[in-house]
Protein backbone atom coordinates (compact mmCIF):
# COMPACT_ATOMS: atom_id res chain seq x y z
CA UNK A 1 0.00 0.00 0.00
CA UNK A 2 1.34 3.35 -1.08
CA UNK A 3 0.19 6.34 0.93
CA UNK A 4 0.09 9.88 -0.34
CA UNK A 5 2.48 12.29 1.30
CA UNK A 6 0.99 14.48 4.00
CA UNK A 7 1.76 17.76 2.19
CA UNK A 8 -0.52 16.94 -0.75
CA UNK A 9 -3.93 18.36 0.01
CA UNK A 10 -7.23 18.71 -1.80
CA UNK A 11 -7.89 21.98 -3.63
CA UNK A 12 -9.61 24.63 -1.54
CA UNK A 13 -13.08 25.93 -2.31
CA UNK A 14 -11.67 29.25 -3.52
CA UNK A 15 -9.30 27.62 -6.00
CA UNK A 16 -12.12 25.41 -7.32
CA UNK A 17 -14.35 28.47 -7.69
CA UNK A 18 -11.55 30.28 -9.51
CA UNK A 19 -11.00 27.32 -11.85
CA UNK A 20 -14.73 27.32 -12.70
CA UNK A 21 -15.38 31.08 -12.93
CA UNK A 22 -12.39 32.06 -15.08
CA UNK A 23 -13.50 30.17 -18.23
CA UNK A 24 -17.10 31.29 -17.64
CA UNK A 25 -16.09 34.96 -17.45
CA UNK A 26 -13.90 34.63 -20.54
CA UNK A 27 -16.82 33.09 -22.43
CA UNK A 28 -19.14 35.92 -21.35
CA UNK A 29 -16.56 38.53 -22.39
CA UNK A 30 -16.09 36.88 -25.80
CA UNK A 31 -19.87 36.80 -26.25
CA UNK A 32 -20.15 40.52 -25.39
CA UNK A 33 -17.41 41.42 -27.90
CA UNK A 34 -19.11 39.31 -30.58
CA UNK A 35 -22.46 41.02 -29.95
CA UNK A 36 -20.81 44.47 -30.17
CA UNK A 37 -19.08 43.65 -33.46
CA UNK A 38 -22.22 42.14 -35.01
CA UNK A 39 -24.32 45.14 -33.95
CA UNK A 40 -21.82 47.50 -35.56
CA UNK A 41 -21.72 45.52 -38.81
CA UNK A 42 -25.52 45.32 -39.17
CA UNK A 43 -26.17 49.06 -39.50
CA UNK A 44 -28.79 49.73 -42.17
CA UNK A 45 -30.86 52.73 -43.23
CA UNK A 46 -34.64 52.33 -43.18
CA UNK A 47 -36.76 53.42 -46.12
CA UNK A 48 -38.84 56.48 -45.22
CA UNK A 49 -41.16 58.53 -47.42
CA UNK A 50 -42.96 61.65 -46.20
CA UNK A 51 -45.67 63.38 -48.22
CA UNK A 52 -47.01 66.73 -47.05
CA UNK A 53 -50.69 67.06 -48.01
CA UNK A 54 -51.54 70.48 -46.65
CA UNK A 55 -50.32 73.29 -44.43
CA UNK A 56 -53.09 75.38 -42.88
CA UNK A 57 -53.62 77.96 -40.18
CA UNK A 58 -50.17 79.51 -40.07
CA UNK A 59 -50.28 81.81 -37.05
CA UNK A 60 -48.10 83.30 -34.40
CA UNK A 61 -47.80 81.23 -31.23
CA UNK A 62 -49.41 82.52 -28.04
CA UNK A 63 -46.07 83.01 -26.34
CA UNK A 64 -44.80 85.03 -29.29
CA UNK A 65 -41.85 82.70 -29.82
CA UNK A 66 -42.29 81.57 -33.40
CA UNK A 67 -45.17 80.43 -35.55
CA UNK A 68 -47.56 77.49 -35.47
CA UNK A 69 -49.12 75.60 -38.36
CA UNK A 70 -51.56 72.74 -38.78
CA UNK A 71 -50.04 70.18 -41.11
CA UNK A 72 -51.35 67.01 -42.65
CA UNK A 73 -48.77 64.57 -43.87
CA UNK A 74 -48.37 60.89 -44.61
CA UNK A 75 -45.40 58.88 -43.42
CA UNK A 76 -44.56 55.56 -45.00
CA UNK A 77 -41.66 53.93 -43.19
CA UNK A 78 -40.27 50.41 -43.18
CA UNK A 79 -38.23 49.81 -40.02
CA UNK A 80 -37.95 46.03 -40.45
CA UNK A 81 -34.28 46.18 -41.55
CA UNK A 82 -33.46 48.06 -38.33
CA UNK A 83 -35.42 45.71 -36.05
CA UNK A 84 -33.17 42.80 -35.07
CA UNK A 85 -32.44 40.68 -32.01
CA UNK A 86 -30.52 43.51 -30.33
CA UNK A 87 -33.08 46.34 -30.77
CA UNK A 88 -35.56 46.99 -27.98
CA UNK A 89 -37.15 50.32 -29.01
CA UNK A 90 -37.16 52.58 -32.04
CA UNK A 91 -37.79 56.31 -31.58
CA UNK A 92 -38.86 58.36 -34.59
CA UNK A 93 -38.88 62.16 -34.83
CA UNK A 94 -40.05 64.35 -37.69
CA UNK A 95 -38.49 67.81 -37.93
CA UNK A 96 -39.87 70.45 -40.28
CA UNK A 97 -38.11 73.62 -41.35
CA UNK A 98 -38.99 76.25 -43.93
CA UNK A 99 -37.66 79.42 -45.50
CA UNK A 100 -39.79 82.42 -46.41
CA UNK A 101 -39.06 85.50 -48.45
CA UNK A 102 -41.23 87.63 -46.19
CA UNK A 103 -42.24 86.53 -42.73
CA UNK A 104 -45.93 86.45 -41.96
CA UNK A 105 -45.18 88.16 -38.68
CA UNK A 106 -41.97 90.16 -38.93
CA UNK A 107 -39.71 90.10 -35.93
CA UNK A 108 -39.78 93.30 -33.93
CA UNK A 109 -37.21 94.70 -31.59
CA UNK A 110 -38.65 95.28 -28.12
């Protein structure tokens, strides 16, 4: 019968935890890098069409800071190319700007 020397001991709980968690953390880090790279490579532009039907009731705002208008427009947008496994929400904003030769309400110095 051969006995093991007394100085050889079983691995401690901390060293076993370290041996288990290190490959797990490396796998999680590699997965995060892969997700970041794939998200960057999948950038696409959605197709958006905006048709303005009418602009009515152009008037000065009550606060005197600009003008207000009632607009009717149609938006046709396809966001399916943008929607993938990594997208949770899509926010859409429509910004309108215009130039005039003569302002309806000229700015006055006060």
